[in-house]
Amino acid sequence: AIEIKNLTKRYDDLFSLGTINMTIP
């Protein structure tokens, strides 16, 4: 249903998401 590869998101120096790899069957 969902496949995420190498997802990143940065908010300046406050917060960083990633690197996210996730699969949801």
mmCIF file of all heavy atoms, coordinates in Angstrom:
data_MODEL
# 
_entry.id   MODEL 
# 
loop_
_atom_site.group_PDB 
_atom_site.id 
_atom_site.type_symbol 
_atom_site.label_atom_id 
_atom_site.label_alt_id 
_atom_site.label_comp_id 
_atom_site.label_asym_id 
_atom_site.label_entity_id 
_atom_site.label_seq_id 
_atom_site.pdbx_PDB_ins_code 
_atom_site.Cartn_x 
_atom_site.Cartn_y 
_atom_site.Cartn_z 
_atom_site.occupancy 
_atom_site.B_iso_or_equiv 
_atom_site.pdbx_formal_charge 
_atom_site.auth_seq_id 
_atom_site.auth_comp_id 
_atom_site.auth_asym_id 
_atom_site.auth_atom_id 
_atom_site.pdbx_PDB_model_num 
ATOM 1   N N   . ALA A 1 1  ? 0.833  -1.196 0.000  1.00 0.00 ? 1  ALA A N   1 
ATOM 2   C CA  . ALA A 1 1  ? 0.000  0.000  0.000  1.00 0.00 ? 1  ALA A CA  1 
ATOM 3   C C   . ALA A 1 1  ? 0.869  1.249  0.000  1.00 0.00 ? 1  ALA A C   1 
ATOM 4   O O   . ALA A 1 1  ? 0.559  2.239  -0.663 1.00 0.00 ? 1  ALA A O   1 
ATOM 5   C CB  . ALA A 1 1  ? -0.925 0.000  1.206  1.00 0.00 ? 1  ALA A CB  1 
ATOM 6   N N   . ILE A 1 2  ? 1.965  1.197  0.766  1.00 0.00 ? 2  ILE A N   1 
ATOM 7   C CA  . ILE A 1 2  ? 2.880  2.343  0.878  1.00 0.00 ? 2  ILE A CA  1 
ATOM 8   C C   . ILE A 1 2  ? 4.318  1.849  0.751  1.00 0.00 ? 2  ILE A C   1 
ATOM 9   O O   . ILE A 1 2  ? 4.690  0.836  1.354  1.00 0.00 ? 2  ILE A O   1 
ATOM 10  C CB  . ILE A 1 2  ? 2.705  3.062  2.234  1.00 0.00 ? 2  ILE A CB  1 
ATOM 11  C CG1 . ILE A 1 2  ? 1.293  3.650  2.368  1.00 0.00 ? 2  ILE A CG1 1 
ATOM 12  C CG2 . ILE A 1 2  ? 3.750  4.166  2.410  1.00 0.00 ? 2  ILE A CG2 1 
ATOM 13  C CD1 . ILE A 1 2  ? 1.010  4.255  3.736  1.00 0.00 ? 2  ILE A CD1 1 
ATOM 14  N N   . GLU A 1 3  ? 5.110  2.573  -0.004 1.00 0.00 ? 3  GLU A N   1 
ATOM 15  C CA  . GLU A 1 3  ? 6.541  2.270  -0.110 1.00 0.00 ? 3  GLU A CA  1 
ATOM 16  C C   . GLU A 1 3  ? 7.312  3.587  -0.087 1.00 0.00 ? 3  GLU A C   1 
ATOM 17  O O   . GLU A 1 3  ? 7.137  4.442  -0.955 1.00 0.00 ? 3  GLU A O   1 
ATOM 18  C CB  . GLU A 1 3  ? 6.830  1.509  -1.400 1.00 0.00 ? 3  GLU A CB  1 
ATOM 19  C CG  . GLU A 1 3  ? 8.261  1.015  -1.507 1.00 0.00 ? 3  GLU A CG  1 
ATOM 20  C CD  . GLU A 1 3  ? 8.503  0.158  -2.746 1.00 0.00 ? 3  GLU A CD  1 
ATOM 21  O OE1 . GLU A 1 3  ? 7.511  -0.138 -3.457 1.00 0.00 ? 3  GLU A OE1 1 
ATOM 22  O OE2 . GLU A 1 3  ? 9.655  -0.203 -2.990 1.00 0.00 ? 3  GLU A OE2 1 
ATOM 23  N N   . ILE A 1 4  ? 8.133  3.750  0.938  1.00 0.00 ? 4  ILE A N   1 
ATOM 24  C CA  . ILE A 1 4  ? 8.919  4.972  1.118  1.00 0.00 ? 4  ILE A CA  1 
ATOM 25  C C   . ILE A 1 4  ? 10.397 4.626  1.007  1.00 0.00 ? 4  ILE A C   1 
ATOM 26  O O   . ILE A 1 4  ? 10.879 3.702  1.661  1.00 0.00 ? 4  ILE A O   1 
ATOM 27  C CB  . ILE A 1 4  ? 8.648  5.610  2.501  1.00 0.00 ? 4  ILE A CB  1 
ATOM 28  C CG1 . ILE A 1 4  ? 7.167  5.958  2.647  1.00 0.00 ? 4  ILE A CG1 1 
ATOM 29  C CG2 . ILE A 1 4  ? 9.501  6.850  2.702  1.00 0.00 ? 4  ILE A CG2 1 
ATOM 30  C CD1 . ILE A 1 4  ? 6.790  6.391  4.047  1.00 0.00 ? 4  ILE A CD1 1 
ATOM 31  N N   . LYS A 1 5  ? 11.114 5.369  0.173  1.00 0.00 ? 5  LYS A N   1 
ATOM 32  C CA  . LYS A 1 5  ? 12.548 5.130  0.002  1.00 0.00 ? 5  LYS A CA  1 
ATOM 33  C C   . LYS A 1 5  ? 13.319 6.436  0.174  1.00 0.00 ? 5  LYS A C   1 
ATOM 34  O O   . LYS A 1 5  ? 13.046 7.433  -0.501 1.00 0.00 ? 5  LYS A O   1 
ATOM 35  C CB  . LYS A 1 5  ? 12.835 4.544  -1.383 1.00 0.00 ? 5  LYS A CB  1 
ATOM 36  C CG  . LYS A 1 5  ? 12.357 3.113  -1.562 1.00 0.00 ? 5  LYS A CG  1 
ATOM 37  C CD  . LYS A 1 5  ? 12.796 2.554  -2.907 1.00 0.00 ? 5  LYS A CD  1 
ATOM 38  C CE  . LYS A 1 5  ? 12.369 1.094  -3.072 1.00 0.00 ? 5  LYS A CE  1 
ATOM 39  N NZ  . LYS A 1 5  ? 12.786 0.539  -4.392 1.00 0.00 ? 5  LYS A NZ  1 
ATOM 40  N N   . ASN A 1 6  ? 14.261 6.404  1.125  1.00 0.00 ? 6  ASN A N   1 
ATOM 41  C CA  . ASN A 1 6  ? 15.227 7.493  1.317  1.00 0.00 ? 6  ASN A CA  1 
ATOM 42  C C   . ASN A 1 6  ? 14.563 8.861  1.521  1.00 0.00 ? 6  ASN A C   1 
ATOM 43  O O   . ASN A 1 6  ? 15.035 9.877  1.014  1.00 0.00 ? 6  ASN A O   1 
ATOM 44  C CB  . ASN A 1 6  ? 16.205 7.556  0.139  1.00 0.00 ? 6  ASN A CB  1 
ATOM 45  C CG  . ASN A 1 6  ? 16.954 6.253  -0.050 1.00 0.00 ? 6  ASN A CG  1 
ATOM 46  O OD1 . ASN A 1 6  ? 17.379 5.627  0.912  1.00 0.00 ? 6  ASN A OD1 1 
ATOM 47  N ND2 . ASN A 1 6  ? 17.121 5.828  -1.299 1.00 0.00 ? 6  ASN A ND2 1 
ATOM 48  N N   . LEU A 1 7  ? 13.490 8.883  2.289  1.00 0.00 ? 7  LEU A N   1 
ATOM 49  C CA  . LEU A 1 7  ? 12.778 10.128 2.549  1.00 0.00 ? 7  LEU A CA  1 
ATOM 50  C C   . LEU A 1 7  ? 13.527 10.971 3.571  1.00 0.00 ? 7  LEU A C   1 
ATOM 51  O O   . LEU A 1 7  ? 13.913 10.483 4.637  1.00 0.00 ? 7  LEU A O   1 
ATOM 52  C CB  . LEU A 1 7  ? 11.367 9.814  3.071  1.00 0.00 ? 7  LEU A CB  1 
ATOM 53  C CG  . LEU A 1 7  ? 10.551 10.988 3.625  1.00 0.00 ? 7  LEU A CG  1 
ATOM 54  C CD1 . LEU A 1 7  ? 10.252 12.005 2.541  1.00 0.00 ? 7  LEU A CD1 1 
ATOM 55  C CD2 . LEU A 1 7  ? 9.266  10.489 4.275  1.00 0.00 ? 7  LEU A CD2 1 
ATOM 56  N N   . THR A 1 8  ? 13.709 12.257 3.253  1.00 0.00 ? 8  THR A N   1 
ATOM 57  C CA  . THR A 1 8  ? 14.304 13.200 4.212  1.00 0.00 ? 8  THR A CA  1 
ATOM 58  C C   . THR A 1 8  ? 13.533 14.507 4.178  1.00 0.00 ? 8  THR A C   1 
ATOM 59  O O   . THR A 1 8  ? 12.972 14.898 3.149  1.00 0.00 ? 8  THR A O   1 
ATOM 60  C CB  . THR A 1 8  ? 15.792 13.506 3.899  1.00 0.00 ? 8  THR A CB  1 
ATOM 61  O OG1 . THR A 1 8  ? 15.887 14.162 2.624  1.00 0.00 ? 8  THR A OG1 1 
ATOM 62  C CG2 . THR A 1 8  ? 16.621 12.236 3.890  1.00 0.00 ? 8  THR A CG2 1 
ATOM 63  N N   . LYS A 1 9  ? 13.494 15.171 5.321  1.00 0.00 ? 9  LYS A N   1 
ATOM 64  C CA  . LYS A 1 9  ? 12.893 16.495 5.434  1.00 0.00 ? 9  LYS A CA  1 
ATOM 65  C C   . LYS A 1 9  ? 13.580 17.228 6.578  1.00 0.00 ? 9  LYS A C   1 
ATOM 66  O O   . LYS A 1 9  ? 13.625 16.729 7.709  1.00 0.00 ? 9  LYS A O   1 
ATOM 67  C CB  . LYS A 1 9  ? 11.389 16.402 5.705  1.00 0.00 ? 9  LYS A CB  1 
ATOM 68  C CG  . LYS A 1 9  ? 10.714 17.738 5.972  1.00 0.00 ? 9  LYS A CG  1 
ATOM 69  C CD  . LYS A 1 9  ? 10.744 18.657 4.759  1.00 0.00 ? 9  LYS A CD  1 
ATOM 70  C CE  . LYS A 1 9  ? 10.052 19.980 5.040  1.00 0.00 ? 9  LYS A CE  1 
ATOM 71  N NZ  . LYS A 1 9  ? 10.103 20.894 3.866  1.00 0.00 ? 9  LYS A NZ  1 
ATOM 72  N N   . ARG A 1 10 ? 14.130 18.413 6.286  1.00 0.00 ? 10 ARG A N   1 
ATOM 73  C CA  . ARG A 1 10 ? 14.827 19.189 7.316  1.00 0.00 ? 10 ARG A CA  1 
ATOM 74  C C   . ARG A 1 10 ? 14.131 20.530 7.513  1.00 0.00 ? 10 ARG A C   1 
ATOM 75  O O   . ARG A 1 10 ? 13.756 21.195 6.542  1.00 0.00 ? 10 ARG A O   1 
ATOM 76  C CB  . ARG A 1 10 ? 16.287 19.420 6.916  1.00 0.00 ? 10 ARG A CB  1 
ATOM 77  C CG  . ARG A 1 10 ? 17.068 20.291 7.906  1.00 0.00 ? 10 ARG A CG  1 
ATOM 78  C CD  . ARG A 1 10 ? 18.506 20.442 7.476  1.00 0.00 ? 10 ARG A CD  1 
ATOM 79  N NE  . ARG A 1 10 ? 19.227 19.185 7.642  1.00 0.00 ? 10 ARG A NE  1 
ATOM 80  C CZ  . ARG A 1 10 ? 19.755 18.775 8.786  1.00 0.00 ? 10 ARG A CZ  1 
ATOM 81  N NH1 . ARG A 1 10 ? 19.632 19.511 9.882  1.00 0.00 ? 10 ARG A NH1 1 
ATOM 82  N NH2 . ARG A 1 10 ? 20.414 17.641 8.851  1.00 0.00 ? 10 ARG A NH2 1 
ATOM 83  N N   . TYR A 1 11 ? 13.962 20.903 8.781  1.00 0.00 ? 11 TYR A N   1 
ATOM 84  C CA  . TYR A 1 11 ? 13.466 22.224 9.130  1.00 0.00 ? 11 TYR A CA  1 
ATOM 85  C C   . TYR A 1 11 ? 14.627 23.029 9.716  1.00 0.00 ? 11 TYR A C   1 
ATOM 86  O O   . TYR A 1 11 ? 14.871 22.987 10.930 1.00 0.00 ? 11 TYR A O   1 
ATOM 87  C CB  . TYR A 1 11 ? 12.333 22.126 10.140 1.00 0.00 ? 11 TYR A CB  1 
ATOM 88  C CG  . TYR A 1 11 ? 11.066 21.490 9.607  1.00 0.00 ? 11 TYR A CG  1 
ATOM 89  C CD1 . TYR A 1 11 ? 10.783 20.153 9.885  1.00 0.00 ? 11 TYR A CD1 1 
ATOM 90  C CD2 . TYR A 1 11 ? 10.170 22.202 8.832  1.00 0.00 ? 11 TYR A CD2 1 
ATOM 91  C CE1 . TYR A 1 11 ? 9.620  19.558 9.408  1.00 0.00 ? 11 TYR A CE1 1 
ATOM 92  C CE2 . TYR A 1 11 ? 9.009  21.622 8.348  1.00 0.00 ? 11 TYR A CE2 1 
ATOM 93  C CZ  . TYR A 1 11 ? 8.739  20.301 8.639  1.00 0.00 ? 11 TYR A CZ  1 
ATOM 94  O OH  . TYR A 1 11 ? 7.597  19.702 8.155  1.00 0.00 ? 11 TYR A OH  1 
ATOM 95  N N   . ASP A 1 12 ? 15.366 23.717 8.877  1.00 0.00 ? 12 ASP A N   1 
ATOM 96  C CA  . ASP A 1 12 ? 16.553 24.468 9.308  1.00 0.00 ? 12 ASP A CA  1 
ATOM 97  C C   . ASP A 1 12 ? 17.412 23.580 10.219 1.00 0.00 ? 12 ASP A C   1 
ATOM 98  O O   . ASP A 1 12 ? 17.724 22.459 9.878  1.00 0.00 ? 12 ASP A O   1 
ATOM 99  C CB  . ASP A 1 12 ? 16.145 25.763 10.009 1.00 0.00 ? 12 ASP A CB  1 
ATOM 100 C CG  . ASP A 1 12 ? 15.361 26.685 9.062  1.00 0.00 ? 12 ASP A CG  1 
ATOM 101 O OD1 . ASP A 1 12 ? 15.713 26.716 7.887  1.00 0.00 ? 12 ASP A OD1 1 
ATOM 102 O OD2 . ASP A 1 12 ? 14.406 27.342 9.510  1.00 0.00 ? 12 ASP A OD2 1 
ATOM 103 N N   . ASP A 1 13 ? 17.758 24.093 11.390 1.00 0.00 ? 13 ASP A N   1 
ATOM 104 C CA  . ASP A 1 13 ? 18.543 23.288 12.338 1.00 0.00 ? 13 ASP A CA  1 
ATOM 105 C C   . ASP A 1 13 ? 17.672 22.754 13.466 1.00 0.00 ? 13 ASP A C   1 
ATOM 106 O O   . ASP A 1 13 ? 18.174 22.199 14.442 1.00 0.00 ? 13 ASP A O   1 
ATOM 107 C CB  . ASP A 1 13 ? 19.682 24.131 12.937 1.00 0.00 ? 13 ASP A CB  1 
ATOM 108 C CG  . ASP A 1 13 ? 20.707 24.520 11.885 1.00 0.00 ? 13 ASP A CG  1 
ATOM 109 O OD1 . ASP A 1 13 ? 20.911 23.716 10.951 1.00 0.00 ? 13 ASP A OD1 1 
ATOM 110 O OD2 . ASP A 1 13 ? 21.279 25.618 11.991 1.00 0.00 ? 13 ASP A OD2 1 
ATOM 111 N N   . LEU A 1 14 ? 16.346 22.921 13.345 1.00 0.00 ? 14 LEU A N   1 
ATOM 112 C CA  . LEU A 1 14 ? 15.452 22.550 14.436 1.00 0.00 ? 14 LEU A CA  1 
ATOM 113 C C   . LEU A 1 14 ? 15.137 21.062 14.449 1.00 0.00 ? 14 LEU A C   1 
ATOM 114 O O   . LEU A 1 14 ? 15.084 20.431 15.502 1.00 0.00 ? 14 LEU A O   1 
ATOM 115 C CB  . LEU A 1 14 ? 14.147 23.353 14.327 1.00 0.00 ? 14 LEU A CB  1 
ATOM 116 C CG  . LEU A 1 14 ? 14.295 24.871 14.405 1.00 0.00 ? 14 LEU A CG  1 
ATOM 117 C CD1 . LEU A 1 14 ? 12.945 25.542 14.189 1.00 0.00 ? 14 LEU A CD1 1 
ATOM 118 C CD2 . LEU A 1 14 ? 14.881 25.274 15.757 1.00 0.00 ? 14 LEU A CD2 1 
ATOM 119 N N   . PHE A 1 15 ? 14.901 20.487 13.256 1.00 0.00 ? 15 PHE A N   1 
ATOM 120 C CA  . PHE A 1 15 ? 14.475 19.086 13.204 1.00 0.00 ? 15 PHE A CA  1 
ATOM 121 C C   . PHE A 1 15 ? 14.808 18.502 11.842 1.00 0.00 ? 15 PHE A C   1 
ATOM 122 O O   . PHE A 1 15 ? 14.711 19.179 10.822 1.00 0.00 ? 15 PHE A O   1 
ATOM 123 C CB  . PHE A 1 15 ? 12.972 18.959 13.462 1.00 0.00 ? 15 PHE A CB  1 
ATOM 124 C CG  . PHE A 1 15 ? 12.455 17.546 13.320 1.00 0.00 ? 15 PHE A CG  1 
ATOM 125 C CD1 . PHE A 1 15 ? 12.677 16.617 14.322 1.00 0.00 ? 15 PHE A CD1 1 
ATOM 126 C CD2 . PHE A 1 15 ? 11.779 17.146 12.180 1.00 0.00 ? 15 PHE A CD2 1 
ATOM 127 C CE1 . PHE A 1 15 ? 12.220 15.317 14.184 1.00 0.00 ? 15 PHE A CE1 1 
ATOM 128 C CE2 . PHE A 1 15 ? 11.314 15.859 12.036 1.00 0.00 ? 15 PHE A CE2 1 
ATOM 129 C CZ  . PHE A 1 15 ? 11.537 14.939 13.044 1.00 0.00 ? 15 PHE A CZ  1 
ATOM 130 N N   . SER A 1 16 ? 15.185 17.235 11.853 1.00 0.00 ? 16 SER A N   1 
ATOM 131 C CA  . SER A 1 16 ? 15.473 16.537 10.608 1.00 0.00 ? 16 SER A CA  1 
ATOM 132 C C   . SER A 1 16 ? 14.802 15.177 10.623 1.00 0.00 ? 16 SER A C   1 
ATOM 133 O O   . SER A 1 16 ? 14.949 14.412 11.578 1.00 0.00 ? 16 SER A O   1 
ATOM 134 C CB  . SER A 1 16 ? 16.988 16.374 10.432 1.00 0.00 ? 16 SER A CB  1 
ATOM 135 O OG  . SER A 1 16 ? 17.281 15.631 9.255  1.00 0.00 ? 16 SER A OG  1 
ATOM 136 N N   . LEU A 1 17 ? 14.048 14.869 9.569  1.00 0.00 ? 17 LEU A N   1 
ATOM 137 C CA  . LEU A 1 17 ? 13.431 13.560 9.398  1.00 0.00 ? 17 LEU A CA  1 
ATOM 138 C C   . LEU A 1 17 ? 14.221 12.779 8.374  1.00 0.00 ? 17 LEU A C   1 
ATOM 139 O O   . LEU A 1 17 ? 14.462 13.251 7.274  1.00 0.00 ? 17 LEU A O   1 
ATOM 140 C CB  . LEU A 1 17 ? 11.984 13.705 8.909  1.00 0.00 ? 17 LEU A CB  1 
ATOM 141 C CG  . LEU A 1 17 ? 11.222 12.396 8.625  1.00 0.00 ? 17 LEU A CG  1 
ATOM 142 C CD1 . LEU A 1 17 ? 10.857 11.705 9.937  1.00 0.00 ? 17 LEU A CD1 1 
ATOM 143 C CD2 . LEU A 1 17 ? 9.962  12.664 7.814  1.00 0.00 ? 17 LEU A CD2 1 
ATOM 144 N N   . GLY A 1 18 ? 14.585 11.549 8.757  1.00 0.00 ? 18 GLY A N   1 
ATOM 145 C CA  . GLY A 1 18 ? 15.208 10.679 7.755  1.00 0.00 ? 18 GLY A CA  1 
ATOM 146 C C   . GLY A 1 18 ? 16.632 10.322 8.098  1.00 0.00 ? 18 GLY A C   1 
ATOM 147 O O   . GLY A 1 18 ? 17.192 10.788 9.073  1.00 0.00 ? 18 GLY A O   1 
ATOM 148 N N   . THR A 1 19 ? 17.136 9.424  7.298  1.00 0.00 ? 19 THR A N   1 
ATOM 149 C CA  . THR A 1 19 ? 16.569 8.887  6.067  1.00 0.00 ? 19 THR A CA  1 
ATOM 150 C C   . THR A 1 19 ? 15.563 7.768  6.404  1.00 0.00 ? 19 THR A C   1 
ATOM 151 O O   . THR A 1 19 ? 15.897 6.832  7.114  1.00 0.00 ? 19 THR A O   1 
ATOM 152 C CB  . THR A 1 19 ? 17.675 8.328  5.166  1.00 0.00 ? 19 THR A CB  1 
ATOM 153 O OG1 . THR A 1 19 ? 18.618 9.353  4.892  1.00 0.00 ? 19 THR A OG1 1 
ATOM 154 C CG2 . THR A 1 19 ? 17.130 7.763  3.879  1.00 0.00 ? 19 THR A CG2 1 
ATOM 155 N N   . ILE A 1 20 ? 14.320 7.886  5.857  1.00 0.00 ? 20 ILE A N   1 
ATOM 156 C CA  . ILE A 1 20 ? 13.239 6.959  6.167  1.00 0.00 ? 20 ILE A CA  1 
ATOM 157 C C   . ILE A 1 20 ? 13.038 5.981  5.019  1.00 0.00 ? 20 ILE A C   1 
ATOM 158 O O   . ILE A 1 20 ? 12.843 6.379  3.868  1.00 0.00 ? 20 ILE A O   1 
ATOM 159 C CB  . ILE A 1 20 ? 11.917 7.704  6.434  1.00 0.00 ? 20 ILE A CB  1 
ATOM 160 C CG1 . ILE A 1 20 ? 12.050 8.656  7.631  1.00 0.00 ? 20 ILE A CG1 1 
ATOM 161 C CG2 . ILE A 1 20 ? 10.778 6.715  6.645  1.00 0.00 ? 20 ILE A CG2 1 
ATOM 162 C CD1 . ILE A 1 20 ? 12.261 7.980  8.960  1.00 0.00 ? 20 ILE A CD1 1 
ATOM 163 N N   . ASN A 1 21 ? 13.086 4.694  5.348  1.00 0.00 ? 21 ASN A N   1 
ATOM 164 C CA  . ASN A 1 21 ? 12.731 3.632  4.411  1.00 0.00 ? 21 ASN A CA  1 
ATOM 165 C C   . ASN A 1 21 ? 11.680 2.765  5.098  1.00 0.00 ? 21 ASN A C   1 
ATOM 166 O O   . ASN A 1 21 ? 11.922 2.238  6.186  1.00 0.00 ? 21 ASN A O   1 
ATOM 167 C CB  . ASN A 1 21 ? 13.950 2.789  4.034  1.00 0.00 ? 21 ASN A CB  1 
ATOM 168 C CG  . ASN A 1 21 ? 14.930 3.553  3.164  1.00 0.00 ? 21 ASN A CG  1 
ATOM 169 O OD1 . ASN A 1 21 ? 14.722 3.728  1.970  1.00 0.00 ? 21 ASN A OD1 1 
ATOM 170 N ND2 . ASN A 1 21 ? 16.009 4.032  3.774  1.00 0.00 ? 21 ASN A ND2 1 
ATOM 171 N N   . MET A 1 22 ? 10.518 2.622  4.471  1.00 0.00 ? 22 MET A N   1 
ATOM 172 C CA  . MET A 1 22 ? 9.423  1.911  5.123  1.00 0.00 ? 22 MET A CA  1 
ATOM 173 C C   . MET A 1 22 ? 8.496  1.327  4.073  1.00 0.00 ? 22 MET A C   1 
ATOM 174 O O   . MET A 1 22 ? 8.192  1.966  3.070  1.00 0.00 ? 22 MET A O   1 
ATOM 175 C CB  . MET A 1 22 ? 8.645  2.860  6.038  1.00 0.00 ? 22 MET A CB  1 
ATOM 176 C CG  . MET A 1 22 ? 7.536  2.207  6.847  1.00 0.00 ? 22 MET A CG  1 
ATOM 177 S SD  . MET A 1 22 ? 6.823  3.346  8.069  1.00 0.00 ? 22 MET A SD  1 
ATOM 178 C CE  . MET A 1 22 ? 5.845  4.410  7.014  1.00 0.00 ? 22 MET A CE  1 
ATOM 179 N N   . THR A 1 23 ? 8.044  0.102  4.322  1.00 0.00 ? 23 THR A N   1 
ATOM 180 C CA  . THR A 1 23 ? 7.092  -0.553 3.440  1.00 0.00 ? 23 THR A CA  1 
ATOM 181 C C   . THR A 1 23 ? 5.903  -1.034 4.257  1.00 0.00 ? 23 THR A C   1 
ATOM 182 O O   . THR A 1 23 ? 6.083  -1.634 5.321  1.00 0.00 ? 23 THR A O   1 
ATOM 183 C CB  . THR A 1 23 ? 7.737  -1.762 2.719  1.00 0.00 ? 23 THR A CB  1 
ATOM 184 O OG1 . THR A 1 23 ? 8.838  -1.301 1.922  1.00 0.00 ? 23 THR A OG1 1 
ATOM 185 C CG2 . THR A 1 23 ? 6.727  -2.452 1.819  1.00 0.00 ? 23 THR A CG2 1 
ATOM 186 N N   . ILE A 1 24 ? 4.709  -0.752 3.760  1.00 0.00 ? 24 ILE A N   1 
ATOM 187 C CA  . ILE A 1 24 ? 3.478  -1.208 4.421  1.00 0.00 ? 24 ILE A CA  1 
ATOM 188 C C   . ILE A 1 24 ? 2.698  -2.060 3.437  1.00 0.00 ? 24 ILE A C   1 
ATOM 189 O O   . ILE A 1 24 ? 2.173  -1.543 2.442  1.00 0.00 ? 24 ILE A O   1 
ATOM 190 C CB  . ILE A 1 24 ? 2.625  -0.021 4.889  1.00 0.00 ? 24 ILE A CB  1 
ATOM 191 C CG1 . ILE A 1 24 ? 3.400  0.809  5.928  1.00 0.00 ? 24 ILE A CG1 1 
ATOM 192 C CG2 . ILE A 1 24 ? 1.304  -0.512 5.478  1.00 0.00 ? 24 ILE A CG2 1 
ATOM 193 C CD1 . ILE A 1 24 ? 2.651  2.022  6.415  1.00 0.00 ? 24 ILE A CD1 1 
ATOM 194 N N   . PRO A 1 25 ? 2.615  -3.367 3.678  1.00 0.00 ? 25 PRO A N   1 
ATOM 195 C CA  . PRO A 1 25 ? 1.851  -4.240 2.776  1.00 0.00 ? 25 PRO A CA  1 
ATOM 196 C C   . PRO A 1 25 ? 0.355  -3.948 2.846  1.00 0.00 ? 25 PRO A C   1 
ATOM 197 O O   . PRO A 1 25 ? -0.160 -3.523 3.877  1.00 0.00 ? 25 PRO A O   1 
ATOM 198 C CB  . PRO A 1 25 ? 2.165  -5.648 3.310  1.00 0.00 ? 25 PRO A CB  1 
ATOM 199 C CG  . PRO A 1 25 ? 3.366  -5.502 4.170  1.00 0.00 ? 25 PRO A CG  1 
ATOM 200 C CD  . PRO A 1 25 ? 3.289  -4.130 4.738  1.00 0.00 ? 25 PRO A CD  1 
# 
